[in-house]
């Protein structure tokens, strides 16, 4: 498959000014758990960046809708993604800079793309605990080059803890989100704090999100003003 054919089966990759490499996003309105959390004050989704700014532009919405359809329905989507990701100069890729997992089938396809692109470091943040847990229960194995990070639901909250039927997820690294207090310090940070808030909104040389050895990354609310 050449690049032109790959584009037809995947559409565009997302360009994110914050991160190195590329990403692949869909509309935030298609989030399952996120759509419910968006209606609850005090959750990270109640101030969703994916419903504002650049993500609200018609051209972005159109691209995200096309990606959504191809990701779920095009039988050659995986082949196309492999072609496009393998061509990236920067070996860092994020799944869902906007939106989230849609199904176990969706996760399985992403995992196969990761397995076929071992040169690339993949990061998948998600609030869809049920999808990931069921996939793990069914024998799913996380590739060494993929960091699946379950994200905490509550702003200024603690990292998610998995017990009982979700115990297999306890081995996954996590992420949380917080705001700054009056002194400009993160409220209730856990693990490593994302430095982007103090770096003009950019990762620069930080790669903690992709590093599975970093147990939790705390992000600063992107909509909060310094």
N, C-alpha and C. Protein backbone atom coordinates (compact mmCIF):
# COMPACT_ATOMS: atom_id res chain seq x y z
N UNK A 1 0.84 -1.19 0.00
CA UNK A 1 0.00 0.00 0.00
C UNK A 1 0.89 1.25 0.00
N UNK A 2 0.63 2.17 -0.94
CA UNK A 2 1.40 3.40 -0.98
C UNK A 2 0.76 4.46 -0.08
N UNK A 3 1.41 5.61 0.03
CA UNK A 3 0.94 6.64 0.95
C UNK A 3 -0.42 7.19 0.55
N UNK A 4 -0.64 7.38 -0.75
CA UNK A 4 -1.93 7.89 -1.22
C UNK A 4 -3.06 6.93 -0.87
N UNK A 5 -2.82 5.65 -1.04
CA UNK A 5 -3.84 4.66 -0.69
C UNK A 5 -4.05 4.63 0.82
N UNK A 6 -2.96 4.74 1.57
CA UNK A 6 -3.06 4.73 3.02
C UNK A 6 -3.92 5.89 3.51
N UNK A 7 -3.74 7.04 2.90
CA UNK A 7 -4.53 8.21 3.29
C UNK A 7 -6.02 7.99 3.05
N UNK A 8 -6.34 7.31 1.97
CA UNK A 8 -7.74 7.05 1.63
C UNK A 8 -8.41 6.17 2.69
N UNK A 9 -7.63 5.30 3.33
CA UNK A 9 -8.19 4.37 4.32
C UNK A 9 -8.05 4.86 5.76
N UNK A 10 -7.36 5.99 5.97
CA UNK A 10 -7.16 6.49 7.34
C UNK A 10 -7.52 7.96 7.51
N UNK A 11 -7.51 8.70 6.41
CA UNK A 11 -7.60 10.16 6.40
C UNK A 11 -6.34 10.73 7.06
N UNK A 12 -6.43 11.94 7.59
CA UNK A 12 -5.25 12.63 8.10
C UNK A 12 -4.90 12.20 9.51
N UNK A 13 -3.63 12.41 9.88
CA UNK A 13 -3.22 12.31 11.27
C UNK A 13 -3.37 13.69 11.89
N UNK A 14 -3.55 13.72 13.20
CA UNK A 14 -3.70 15.00 13.90
C UNK A 14 -2.34 15.65 14.12
N UNK A 15 -2.29 16.97 13.96
CA UNK A 15 -1.10 17.74 14.31
C UNK A 15 -1.35 18.44 15.64
N UNK A 16 -0.53 18.16 16.63
CA UNK A 16 -0.70 18.77 17.94
C UNK A 16 0.54 19.61 18.24
N UNK A 17 0.32 20.90 18.50
CA UNK A 17 1.44 21.80 18.73
C UNK A 17 2.19 21.46 20.01
N UNK A 18 1.51 20.81 20.94
CA UNK A 18 2.13 20.48 22.22
C UNK A 18 3.16 19.37 22.10
N UNK A 19 2.82 18.34 21.33
CA UNK A 19 3.57 17.09 21.38
C UNK A 19 4.50 16.88 20.20
N UNK A 20 5.50 16.03 20.38
CA UNK A 20 6.30 15.57 19.24
C UNK A 20 5.47 14.56 18.46
N UNK A 21 5.83 14.31 17.24
CA UNK A 21 5.12 13.30 16.48
C UNK A 21 3.71 13.71 16.11
N UNK A 22 2.86 12.72 15.91
CA UNK A 22 1.49 12.94 15.46
C UNK A 22 0.50 12.26 16.40
N UNK A 23 -0.78 12.43 16.08
CA UNK A 23 -1.83 11.81 16.87
C UNK A 23 -2.98 11.43 15.95
N UNK A 24 -4.05 10.87 16.54
CA UNK A 24 -5.22 10.47 15.76
C UNK A 24 -6.43 10.71 16.65
N UNK A 25 -7.26 11.69 16.29
CA UNK A 25 -8.37 12.06 17.15
C UNK A 25 -9.71 12.01 16.45
N UNK A 26 -10.76 11.88 17.28
CA UNK A 26 -12.14 11.93 16.82
C UNK A 26 -12.88 12.95 17.69
N UNK A 27 -14.13 13.20 17.40
CA UNK A 27 -14.87 14.19 18.17
C UNK A 27 -15.10 13.74 19.61
N UNK A 28 -14.95 14.68 20.53
CA UNK A 28 -15.15 14.38 21.95
C UNK A 28 -16.59 13.99 22.25
N UNK A 29 -17.52 14.42 21.42
CA UNK A 29 -18.93 14.09 21.68
C UNK A 29 -19.21 12.59 21.55
N UNK A 30 -18.28 11.85 20.93
CA UNK A 30 -18.46 10.41 20.80
C UNK A 30 -17.89 9.64 21.99
N UNK A 31 -17.33 10.34 22.96
CA UNK A 31 -16.84 9.66 24.16
C UNK A 31 -18.01 9.01 24.90
N UNK A 32 -17.80 7.82 25.40
CA UNK A 32 -18.85 7.14 26.17
C UNK A 32 -18.87 7.65 27.60
N UNK A 33 -17.85 7.31 28.38
CA UNK A 33 -17.75 7.77 29.76
C UNK A 33 -17.58 9.28 29.81
N UNK A 34 -16.76 9.81 28.92
CA UNK A 34 -16.50 11.25 28.90
C UNK A 34 -17.75 12.09 28.72
N UNK A 35 -18.67 11.64 27.88
CA UNK A 35 -19.90 12.39 27.64
C UNK A 35 -20.75 12.47 28.91
N UNK A 36 -20.70 11.41 29.70
CA UNK A 36 -21.44 11.42 30.98
C UNK A 36 -20.74 12.32 32.00
N UNK A 37 -19.41 12.23 32.05
CA UNK A 37 -18.66 13.04 32.99
C UNK A 37 -18.75 14.53 32.67
N UNK A 38 -18.92 14.85 31.39
CA UNK A 38 -18.99 16.26 30.98
C UNK A 38 -20.17 16.98 31.64
N UNK A 39 -21.18 16.23 32.07
CA UNK A 39 -22.36 16.81 32.70
C UNK A 39 -22.23 16.91 34.21
N UNK A 40 -21.08 16.45 34.74
CA UNK A 40 -20.89 16.41 36.19
C UNK A 40 -19.82 17.43 36.59
N UNK A 41 -20.20 18.42 37.36
CA UNK A 41 -19.28 19.45 37.82
C UNK A 41 -18.18 18.83 38.67
N UNK A 42 -16.95 19.28 38.45
CA UNK A 42 -15.84 18.78 39.25
C UNK A 42 -15.09 17.64 38.60
N UNK A 43 -15.58 17.14 37.46
CA UNK A 43 -14.86 16.10 36.74
C UNK A 43 -13.94 16.75 35.70
N UNK A 44 -12.96 15.99 35.25
CA UNK A 44 -12.03 16.54 34.25
C UNK A 44 -12.73 16.84 32.93
N UNK A 45 -13.82 16.15 32.66
CA UNK A 45 -14.52 16.34 31.38
C UNK A 45 -15.50 17.51 31.41
N UNK A 46 -15.78 18.06 32.58
CA UNK A 46 -16.70 19.19 32.66
C UNK A 46 -16.08 20.44 32.05
N UNK A 47 -14.76 20.44 31.88
CA UNK A 47 -14.08 21.56 31.20
C UNK A 47 -13.26 21.01 30.03
N UNK A 48 -13.91 20.17 29.22
CA UNK A 48 -13.24 19.44 28.15
C UNK A 48 -12.64 20.39 27.10
N UNK A 49 -11.32 20.30 26.90
CA UNK A 49 -10.67 21.14 25.88
C UNK A 49 -11.09 20.72 24.48
N UNK A 50 -11.52 19.45 24.33
CA UNK A 50 -11.89 18.94 23.02
C UNK A 50 -13.20 19.48 22.47
N UNK A 51 -13.89 20.28 23.29
CA UNK A 51 -15.14 20.89 22.83
C UNK A 51 -14.97 22.40 22.61
N UNK A 52 -13.72 22.85 22.63
CA UNK A 52 -13.45 24.28 22.53
C UNK A 52 -12.34 24.56 21.51
N UNK A 53 -12.16 25.84 21.21
CA UNK A 53 -11.03 26.28 20.42
C UNK A 53 -10.89 25.58 19.07
N UNK A 54 -9.66 25.16 18.78
CA UNK A 54 -9.33 24.55 17.49
C UNK A 54 -10.20 23.34 17.20
N UNK A 55 -10.51 22.57 18.24
CA UNK A 55 -11.30 21.35 18.04
C UNK A 55 -12.74 21.64 17.62
N UNK A 56 -13.16 22.90 17.76
CA UNK A 56 -14.53 23.26 17.41
C UNK A 56 -14.62 23.83 15.99
N UNK A 57 -13.50 23.89 15.28
CA UNK A 57 -13.51 24.41 13.93
C UNK A 57 -14.15 23.39 12.97
N UNK A 58 -14.94 23.85 11.99
CA UNK A 58 -15.61 22.94 11.06
C UNK A 58 -14.66 21.98 10.36
N UNK A 59 -13.48 22.45 9.95
CA UNK A 59 -12.53 21.58 9.25
C UNK A 59 -12.03 20.46 10.16
N UNK A 60 -11.83 20.77 11.43
CA UNK A 60 -11.37 19.76 12.39
C UNK A 60 -12.47 18.74 12.64
N UNK A 61 -13.68 19.22 12.82
CA UNK A 61 -14.82 18.33 13.06
C UNK A 61 -15.01 17.38 11.88
N UNK A 62 -14.91 17.92 10.66
CA UNK A 62 -15.06 17.08 9.47
C UNK A 62 -14.00 15.99 9.42
N UNK A 63 -12.75 16.36 9.69
CA UNK A 63 -11.66 15.38 9.67
C UNK A 63 -11.86 14.31 10.73
N UNK A 64 -12.28 14.73 11.91
CA UNK A 64 -12.48 13.77 13.01
C UNK A 64 -13.62 12.80 12.70
N UNK A 65 -14.66 13.28 12.04
CA UNK A 65 -15.77 12.40 11.67
C UNK A 65 -15.33 11.36 10.64
N UNK A 66 -14.51 11.78 9.69
CA UNK A 66 -14.02 10.84 8.68
C UNK A 66 -13.13 9.78 9.34
N UNK A 67 -12.24 10.22 10.25
CA UNK A 67 -11.37 9.27 10.95
C UNK A 67 -12.20 8.25 11.73
N UNK A 68 -13.23 8.73 12.39
CA UNK A 68 -14.10 7.86 13.19
C UNK A 68 -14.69 6.75 12.32
N UNK A 69 -15.22 7.11 11.17
CA UNK A 69 -15.84 6.13 10.28
C UNK A 69 -14.82 5.12 9.77
N UNK A 70 -13.66 5.60 9.34
CA UNK A 70 -12.64 4.70 8.80
C UNK A 70 -12.07 3.80 9.88
N UNK A 71 -11.84 4.34 11.07
CA UNK A 71 -11.26 3.58 12.16
C UNK A 71 -12.14 2.40 12.57
N UNK A 72 -13.45 2.59 12.47
CA UNK A 72 -14.38 1.55 12.91
C UNK A 72 -14.86 0.64 11.78
N UNK A 73 -14.79 1.12 10.54
CA UNK A 73 -15.46 0.39 9.46
C UNK A 73 -14.59 -0.02 8.28
N UNK A 74 -13.48 0.66 8.06
CA UNK A 74 -12.67 0.35 6.87
C UNK A 74 -11.78 -0.86 7.15
N UNK A 75 -11.93 -1.95 6.37
CA UNK A 75 -11.12 -3.15 6.62
C UNK A 75 -9.63 -2.94 6.39
N UNK A 76 -9.25 -1.89 5.67
CA UNK A 76 -7.84 -1.64 5.40
C UNK A 76 -7.28 -0.50 6.26
N UNK A 77 -8.04 -0.09 7.27
CA UNK A 77 -7.59 0.99 8.14
C UNK A 77 -6.26 0.65 8.83
N UNK A 78 -6.13 -0.58 9.34
CA UNK A 78 -4.91 -0.96 10.05
C UNK A 78 -3.69 -0.88 9.13
N UNK A 79 -3.83 -1.41 7.92
CA UNK A 79 -2.73 -1.37 6.96
C UNK A 79 -2.34 0.07 6.65
N UNK A 80 -3.34 0.92 6.47
CA UNK A 80 -3.08 2.32 6.17
C UNK A 80 -2.38 3.04 7.31
N UNK A 81 -2.82 2.76 8.54
CA UNK A 81 -2.19 3.39 9.70
C UNK A 81 -0.73 2.96 9.84
N UNK A 82 -0.45 1.71 9.57
CA UNK A 82 0.93 1.23 9.65
C UNK A 82 1.82 1.98 8.65
N UNK A 83 1.31 2.14 7.44
CA UNK A 83 2.08 2.85 6.41
C UNK A 83 2.37 4.28 6.85
N UNK A 84 1.36 4.97 7.35
CA UNK A 84 1.53 6.38 7.71
C UNK A 84 2.40 6.55 8.96
N UNK A 85 2.19 5.71 9.97
CA UNK A 85 2.96 5.83 11.21
C UNK A 85 4.42 5.46 11.00
N UNK A 86 4.68 4.47 10.17
CA UNK A 86 6.06 4.06 9.91
C UNK A 86 6.86 5.16 9.22
N UNK A 87 6.19 6.09 8.57
CA UNK A 87 6.88 7.17 7.87
C UNK A 87 7.21 8.36 8.79
N UNK A 88 6.73 8.34 10.02
CA UNK A 88 6.94 9.46 10.92
C UNK A 88 8.43 9.59 11.28
N UNK A 89 8.91 10.82 11.29
CA UNK A 89 10.30 11.06 11.68
C UNK A 89 10.46 10.96 13.19
N UNK A 90 9.47 11.50 13.91
CA UNK A 90 9.50 11.44 15.37
C UNK A 90 8.85 10.13 15.83
N UNK A 91 9.53 9.32 16.64
CA UNK A 91 8.99 8.00 17.01
C UNK A 91 8.02 8.06 18.19
N UNK A 92 7.12 9.05 18.19
CA UNK A 92 6.17 9.22 19.29
C UNK A 92 4.79 9.43 18.70
N UNK A 93 3.82 8.65 19.17
CA UNK A 93 2.47 8.74 18.62
C UNK A 93 1.46 8.66 19.75
N UNK A 94 0.44 9.52 19.68
CA UNK A 94 -0.64 9.51 20.67
C UNK A 94 -1.95 9.11 20.01
N UNK A 95 -2.65 8.20 20.64
CA UNK A 95 -3.99 7.85 20.21
C UNK A 95 -4.98 8.72 20.98
N UNK A 96 -5.86 9.38 20.23
CA UNK A 96 -6.93 10.20 20.80
C UNK A 96 -6.41 11.44 21.53
N UNK A 97 -5.88 12.39 20.77
CA UNK A 97 -5.68 13.72 21.33
C UNK A 97 -7.04 14.36 21.59
N UNK A 98 -8.06 13.80 20.96
CA UNK A 98 -9.46 14.16 21.22
C UNK A 98 -10.28 12.89 21.06
N UNK A 99 -11.31 12.73 21.91
CA UNK A 99 -12.12 11.53 21.85
C UNK A 99 -11.53 10.38 22.66
N UNK A 100 -12.11 9.20 22.49
CA UNK A 100 -11.68 8.05 23.30
C UNK A 100 -12.08 6.76 22.59
N UNK A 101 -11.68 5.65 23.18
CA UNK A 101 -12.00 4.33 22.65
C UNK A 101 -13.51 4.15 22.47
N UNK A 102 -13.87 3.43 21.41
CA UNK A 102 -15.27 3.19 21.11
C UNK A 102 -15.74 1.77 21.43
N UNK A 103 -14.82 0.83 21.39
CA UNK A 103 -15.20 -0.57 21.58
C UNK A 103 -13.96 -1.43 21.76
N UNK A 104 -14.17 -2.68 22.12
CA UNK A 104 -13.05 -3.62 22.21
C UNK A 104 -12.44 -3.82 20.83
N UNK A 105 -13.28 -3.90 19.82
CA UNK A 105 -12.80 -4.04 18.44
C UNK A 105 -11.87 -2.88 18.09
N UNK A 106 -12.25 -1.69 18.46
CA UNK A 106 -11.44 -0.50 18.23
C UNK A 106 -10.08 -0.64 18.91
N UNK A 107 -10.08 -1.08 20.17
CA UNK A 107 -8.83 -1.26 20.90
C UNK A 107 -7.97 -2.35 20.27
N UNK A 108 -8.59 -3.44 19.85
CA UNK A 108 -7.84 -4.53 19.22
C UNK A 108 -7.14 -4.05 17.95
N UNK A 109 -7.80 -3.23 17.18
CA UNK A 109 -7.20 -2.72 15.94
C UNK A 109 -6.00 -1.82 16.26
N UNK A 110 -6.16 -0.98 17.26
CA UNK A 110 -5.06 -0.10 17.66
C UNK A 110 -3.86 -0.91 18.13
N UNK A 111 -4.11 -1.94 18.92
CA UNK A 111 -3.03 -2.79 19.42
C UNK A 111 -2.28 -3.45 18.27
N UNK A 112 -3.02 -3.91 17.26
CA UNK A 112 -2.36 -4.55 16.13
C UNK A 112 -1.49 -3.55 15.36
N UNK A 113 -1.96 -2.30 15.25
CA UNK A 113 -1.14 -1.27 14.60
C UNK A 113 0.14 -1.04 15.40
N UNK A 114 0.03 -1.00 16.72
CA UNK A 114 1.21 -0.81 17.58
C UNK A 114 2.19 -1.97 17.40
N UNK A 115 1.68 -3.18 17.36
CA UNK A 115 2.54 -4.35 17.20
C UNK A 115 3.29 -4.31 15.87
N UNK A 116 2.66 -3.75 14.86
CA UNK A 116 3.26 -3.71 13.52
C UNK A 116 4.16 -2.48 13.32
N UNK A 117 4.22 -1.61 14.31
CA UNK A 117 5.10 -0.43 14.22
C UNK A 117 6.00 -0.38 15.46
N UNK A 118 6.86 -1.38 15.65
CA UNK A 118 7.67 -1.48 16.87
C UNK A 118 8.67 -0.34 17.06
N UNK A 119 8.97 0.39 16.00
CA UNK A 119 9.92 1.51 16.12
C UNK A 119 9.29 2.71 16.82
N UNK A 120 7.97 2.75 16.84
CA UNK A 120 7.23 3.90 17.35
C UNK A 120 6.77 3.66 18.79
N UNK A 121 6.88 4.68 19.61
CA UNK A 121 6.34 4.64 20.98
C UNK A 121 4.91 5.17 20.95
N UNK A 122 3.98 4.37 21.41
CA UNK A 122 2.56 4.73 21.38
C UNK A 122 2.03 5.02 22.79
N UNK A 123 1.13 6.00 22.87
CA UNK A 123 0.50 6.34 24.14
C UNK A 123 -1.01 6.45 23.92
N UNK A 124 -1.77 5.78 24.78
CA UNK A 124 -3.23 5.77 24.68
C UNK A 124 -3.85 6.13 26.03
N UNK A 125 -4.24 7.39 26.23
CA UNK A 125 -4.97 7.76 27.45
C UNK A 125 -6.44 7.40 27.28
N UNK A 126 -7.10 6.94 28.33
CA UNK A 126 -8.50 6.55 28.19
C UNK A 126 -9.24 6.58 29.53
N UNK A 127 -10.52 6.90 29.43
CA UNK A 127 -11.41 6.80 30.58
C UNK A 127 -12.35 5.61 30.43
N UNK A 128 -12.17 4.86 29.36
CA UNK A 128 -13.04 3.70 29.10
C UNK A 128 -12.48 2.47 29.81
N UNK A 129 -12.58 2.49 31.13
CA UNK A 129 -12.05 1.38 31.93
C UNK A 129 -12.67 0.04 31.53
N UNK A 130 -13.99 0.05 31.29
CA UNK A 130 -14.68 -1.20 30.99
C UNK A 130 -14.18 -1.86 29.72
N UNK A 131 -13.90 -1.06 28.69
CA UNK A 131 -13.40 -1.61 27.43
C UNK A 131 -12.03 -2.24 27.63
N UNK A 132 -11.14 -1.51 28.29
CA UNK A 132 -9.77 -2.02 28.51
C UNK A 132 -9.81 -3.25 29.39
N UNK A 133 -10.62 -3.23 30.44
CA UNK A 133 -10.67 -4.36 31.36
C UNK A 133 -11.20 -5.62 30.69
N UNK A 134 -12.24 -5.47 29.89
CA UNK A 134 -12.80 -6.64 29.20
C UNK A 134 -11.80 -7.21 28.21
N UNK A 135 -11.07 -6.32 27.53
CA UNK A 135 -10.04 -6.77 26.59
C UNK A 135 -8.95 -7.55 27.32
N UNK A 136 -8.52 -7.05 28.46
CA UNK A 136 -7.50 -7.76 29.25
C UNK A 136 -8.04 -9.10 29.76
N UNK A 137 -9.29 -9.11 30.20
CA UNK A 137 -9.91 -10.35 30.68
C UNK A 137 -10.00 -11.40 29.58
N UNK A 138 -10.11 -10.93 28.34
CA UNK A 138 -10.21 -11.85 27.20
C UNK A 138 -8.84 -12.27 26.68
N UNK A 139 -7.80 -11.95 27.43
CA UNK A 139 -6.45 -12.37 27.05
C UNK A 139 -5.63 -11.33 26.33
N UNK A 140 -6.11 -10.10 26.27
CA UNK A 140 -5.37 -9.04 25.59
C UNK A 140 -4.04 -8.75 26.27
N UNK A 141 -3.02 -8.57 25.45
CA UNK A 141 -1.68 -8.27 25.96
C UNK A 141 -1.24 -6.91 25.43
N UNK A 142 -0.75 -6.06 26.32
CA UNK A 142 -0.31 -4.73 25.93
C UNK A 142 1.08 -4.81 25.30
N UNK A 143 1.25 -4.36 24.06
CA UNK A 143 2.57 -4.38 23.43
C UNK A 143 3.58 -3.56 24.24
N UNK A 144 4.84 -3.94 24.13
CA UNK A 144 5.88 -3.24 24.90
C UNK A 144 6.00 -1.78 24.50
N UNK A 145 5.62 -1.45 23.28
CA UNK A 145 5.75 -0.06 22.80
C UNK A 145 4.47 0.75 22.95
N UNK A 146 3.52 0.25 23.75
CA UNK A 146 2.26 0.95 23.98
C UNK A 146 2.04 1.19 25.47
N UNK A 147 1.82 2.46 25.84
CA UNK A 147 1.44 2.82 27.21
C UNK A 147 -0.03 3.17 27.23
N UNK A 148 -0.84 2.28 27.79
CA UNK A 148 -2.26 2.57 28.01
C UNK A 148 -2.38 3.20 29.38
N UNK A 149 -2.86 4.43 29.43
CA UNK A 149 -2.98 5.15 30.71
C UNK A 149 -4.45 5.44 31.05
N UNK A 150 -5.06 4.65 31.93
CA UNK A 150 -6.39 5.01 32.42
C UNK A 150 -6.32 6.37 33.12
N UNK A 151 -7.25 7.24 32.78
CA UNK A 151 -7.24 8.60 33.30
C UNK A 151 -8.24 8.75 34.44
N UNK A 152 -7.84 9.49 35.48
CA UNK A 152 -8.74 9.74 36.59
C UNK A 152 -9.92 10.60 36.18
N UNK A 153 -11.05 10.43 36.84
CA UNK A 153 -12.27 11.13 36.47
C UNK A 153 -12.39 12.51 37.12
N UNK A 154 -11.88 12.68 38.33
CA UNK A 154 -12.13 13.89 39.13
C UNK A 154 -10.99 14.89 39.03
N UNK A 155 -11.33 16.15 38.78
CA UNK A 155 -10.33 17.21 38.80
C UNK A 155 -9.75 17.33 40.21
N UNK A 156 -8.44 17.44 40.30
CA UNK A 156 -7.72 17.49 41.58
C UNK A 156 -7.83 16.17 42.35
N UNK A 157 -8.19 15.12 41.65
CA UNK A 157 -8.39 13.83 42.30
C UNK A 157 -7.13 12.98 42.36
N UNK A 158 -7.28 11.79 42.92
CA UNK A 158 -6.18 10.84 43.04
C UNK A 158 -6.19 9.87 41.85
N UNK A 159 -5.08 9.20 41.59
CA UNK A 159 -5.03 8.23 40.49
C UNK A 159 -6.06 7.12 40.68
N UNK A 160 -6.62 6.62 39.59
CA UNK A 160 -7.58 5.52 39.70
C UNK A 160 -6.92 4.28 40.30
N UNK A 161 -7.67 3.60 41.16
CA UNK A 161 -7.20 2.37 41.80
C UNK A 161 -8.10 1.23 41.33
N UNK A 162 -7.49 0.14 40.90
CA UNK A 162 -8.25 -0.97 40.34
C UNK A 162 -8.18 -2.20 41.24
N UNK A 163 -9.34 -2.69 41.62
CA UNK A 163 -9.45 -3.88 42.47
C UNK A 163 -10.53 -4.79 41.92
N UNK A 164 -10.70 -5.93 42.57
CA UNK A 164 -11.76 -6.85 42.20
C UNK A 164 -11.67 -7.30 40.76
N UNK A 165 -12.77 -7.16 40.03
CA UNK A 165 -12.80 -7.63 38.64
C UNK A 165 -11.94 -6.77 37.73
N UNK A 166 -11.50 -5.60 38.21
CA UNK A 166 -10.64 -4.72 37.42
C UNK A 166 -9.16 -4.88 37.78
N UNK A 167 -8.83 -5.92 38.54
CA UNK A 167 -7.48 -6.05 39.08
C UNK A 167 -6.40 -6.11 38.01
N UNK A 168 -6.70 -6.62 36.83
CA UNK A 168 -5.69 -6.72 35.78
C UNK A 168 -5.24 -5.34 35.30
N UNK A 169 -6.06 -4.33 35.53
CA UNK A 169 -5.70 -2.98 35.12
C UNK A 169 -4.76 -2.32 36.12
N UNK A 170 -4.58 -2.96 37.27
CA UNK A 170 -3.73 -2.37 38.31
C UNK A 170 -2.28 -2.23 37.85
N UNK A 171 -1.87 -2.99 36.85
CA UNK A 171 -0.49 -2.93 36.37
C UNK A 171 -0.28 -1.80 35.36
N UNK A 172 -1.36 -1.14 34.94
CA UNK A 172 -1.23 -0.08 33.94
C UNK A 172 -0.85 1.24 34.59
N UNK A 173 -0.03 2.06 33.92
CA UNK A 173 0.25 3.40 34.43
C UNK A 173 -1.00 4.26 34.28
N UNK A 174 -1.11 5.33 35.03
CA UNK A 174 -2.32 6.14 35.05
C UNK A 174 -2.00 7.63 34.82
N UNK A 175 -3.07 8.43 34.82
CA UNK A 175 -2.89 9.89 34.74
C UNK A 175 -4.02 10.57 35.50
N UNK A 176 -3.75 11.78 35.95
CA UNK A 176 -4.74 12.60 36.65
C UNK A 176 -4.64 14.02 36.14
N UNK A 177 -5.62 14.84 36.51
CA UNK A 177 -5.62 16.25 36.12
C UNK A 177 -5.91 17.11 37.35
N UNK A 178 -5.30 18.29 37.37
CA UNK A 178 -5.47 19.17 38.52
C UNK A 178 -5.41 20.63 38.08
N UNK A 179 -5.77 21.50 38.99
CA UNK A 179 -5.64 22.93 38.76
C UNK A 179 -4.55 23.47 39.67
N UNK A 180 -4.25 24.75 39.52
CA UNK A 180 -3.23 25.39 40.35
C UNK A 180 -3.89 26.16 41.48
N UNK A 181 -3.22 26.19 42.62
CA UNK A 181 -3.74 26.97 43.74
C UNK A 181 -3.34 28.44 43.60
N UNK A 182 -3.62 29.23 44.61
CA UNK A 182 -3.35 30.67 44.54
C UNK A 182 -1.87 31.00 44.39
N UNK A 183 -1.04 30.07 44.81
CA UNK A 183 0.41 30.27 44.71
C UNK A 183 0.98 29.71 43.41
N UNK A 184 0.09 29.22 42.54
CA UNK A 184 0.55 28.66 41.27
C UNK A 184 1.10 27.26 41.37
N UNK A 185 0.75 26.56 42.47
CA UNK A 185 1.22 25.19 42.67
C UNK A 185 0.10 24.20 42.36
N UNK A 186 0.45 23.03 41.79
CA UNK A 186 -0.58 22.03 41.49
C UNK A 186 -1.29 21.57 42.76
N UNK A 187 -2.62 21.42 42.67
CA UNK A 187 -3.41 20.92 43.79
C UNK A 187 -3.41 19.39 43.76
N UNK A 188 -2.97 18.79 44.82
CA UNK A 188 -3.00 17.33 44.96
C UNK A 188 -2.31 16.59 43.81
N UNK A 189 -1.09 16.95 43.46
CA UNK A 189 -0.39 16.24 42.38
C UNK A 189 0.03 14.84 42.83
N UNK A 190 0.15 13.95 41.89
CA UNK A 190 0.60 12.59 42.19
C UNK A 190 1.59 12.15 41.12
N UNK A 191 2.71 11.58 41.55
CA UNK A 191 3.71 11.12 40.60
C UNK A 191 4.41 12.28 39.93
N UNK A 192 4.55 12.23 38.62
CA UNK A 192 5.24 13.27 37.86
C UNK A 192 4.25 14.29 37.31
N UNK A 193 4.55 15.56 37.49
CA UNK A 193 3.68 16.62 36.98
C UNK A 193 4.11 17.00 35.57
N UNK A 194 3.16 17.03 34.66
CA UNK A 194 3.44 17.43 33.28
C UNK A 194 3.97 18.86 33.26
N UNK A 195 5.12 19.10 32.64
CA UNK A 195 5.71 20.44 32.64
C UNK A 195 5.17 21.38 31.57
N UNK A 196 4.27 20.90 30.71
CA UNK A 196 3.84 21.69 29.55
C UNK A 196 3.24 23.04 29.92
N UNK A 197 2.56 23.11 31.07
CA UNK A 197 1.91 24.35 31.49
C UNK A 197 2.93 25.48 31.63
N UNK A 198 4.15 25.14 31.97
CA UNK A 198 5.20 26.15 32.18
C UNK A 198 6.19 26.18 31.00
N UNK A 199 5.84 25.49 29.93
CA UNK A 199 6.71 25.42 28.75
C UNK A 199 5.96 25.83 27.50
N UNK A 200 5.13 26.86 27.64
CA UNK A 200 4.37 27.37 26.51
C UNK A 200 3.46 26.30 25.91
N UNK A 201 2.96 25.41 26.80
CA UNK A 201 2.04 24.37 26.36
C UNK A 201 2.68 23.26 25.54
N UNK A 202 3.97 23.04 25.70
CA UNK A 202 4.68 22.05 24.88
C UNK A 202 5.40 21.01 25.74
N UNK A 203 5.55 19.82 25.16
CA UNK A 203 6.28 18.74 25.84
C UNK A 203 7.78 19.04 25.90
N UNK A 204 8.29 19.64 24.83
CA UNK A 204 9.73 19.85 24.65
C UNK A 204 10.45 18.52 24.79
N UNK A 205 11.34 18.36 25.77
CA UNK A 205 12.10 17.10 25.85
C UNK A 205 11.47 16.08 26.80
N UNK A 206 10.28 16.37 27.33
CA UNK A 206 9.61 15.42 28.24
C UNK A 206 8.89 14.33 27.45
N UNK A 207 9.04 13.08 27.89
CA UNK A 207 8.37 11.94 27.25
C UNK A 207 7.73 11.02 28.30
N UNK A 208 7.36 11.59 29.43
CA UNK A 208 6.83 10.78 30.54
C UNK A 208 5.56 10.04 30.18
N UNK A 209 4.71 10.63 29.36
CA UNK A 209 3.43 10.01 29.02
C UNK A 209 3.62 8.66 28.33
N UNK A 210 4.67 8.54 27.56
CA UNK A 210 4.95 7.30 26.82
C UNK A 210 5.75 6.29 27.66
N UNK A 211 6.23 6.71 28.80
CA UNK A 211 7.09 5.87 29.63
C UNK A 211 6.26 5.10 30.66
N UNK A 212 6.13 3.81 30.46
CA UNK A 212 5.30 3.00 31.36
C UNK A 212 5.89 2.87 32.75
N UNK A 213 7.17 3.23 32.91
CA UNK A 213 7.79 3.20 34.23
C UNK A 213 7.33 4.38 35.09
N UNK A 214 6.79 5.42 34.46
CA UNK A 214 6.23 6.55 35.20
C UNK A 214 4.80 6.17 35.57
N UNK A 215 4.57 5.86 36.83
CA UNK A 215 3.30 5.28 37.24
C UNK A 215 2.11 6.22 37.06
N UNK A 216 2.31 7.51 37.37
CA UNK A 216 1.21 8.47 37.17
C UNK A 216 1.78 9.81 36.69
N UNK A 217 1.07 10.41 35.73
CA UNK A 217 1.40 11.74 35.26
C UNK A 217 0.22 12.65 35.62
N UNK A 218 0.52 13.77 36.28
CA UNK A 218 -0.50 14.75 36.63
C UNK A 218 -0.46 15.90 35.64
N UNK A 219 -1.58 16.16 34.98
CA UNK A 219 -1.68 17.26 34.02
C UNK A 219 -2.34 18.47 34.65
N UNK A 220 -1.93 19.64 34.22
CA UNK A 220 -2.56 20.87 34.66
C UNK A 220 -3.72 21.19 33.71
N UNK A 221 -4.86 21.55 34.26
CA UNK A 221 -6.03 21.89 33.46
C UNK A 221 -5.66 22.89 32.38
N UNK A 222 -5.84 22.51 31.13
CA UNK A 222 -5.41 23.35 30.01
C UNK A 222 -6.22 24.63 29.87
N UNK A 223 -7.43 24.66 30.44
CA UNK A 223 -8.28 25.83 30.31
C UNK A 223 -8.08 26.83 31.45
N UNK A 224 -7.27 26.45 32.44
CA UNK A 224 -6.98 27.38 33.53
C UNK A 224 -5.92 28.38 33.12
N UNK A 225 -6.13 29.61 33.41
CA UNK A 225 -5.16 30.66 33.08
C UNK A 225 -4.11 30.74 34.19
N UNK A 226 -2.87 31.04 33.79
CA UNK A 226 -1.79 31.19 34.76
C UNK A 226 -2.01 32.47 35.57
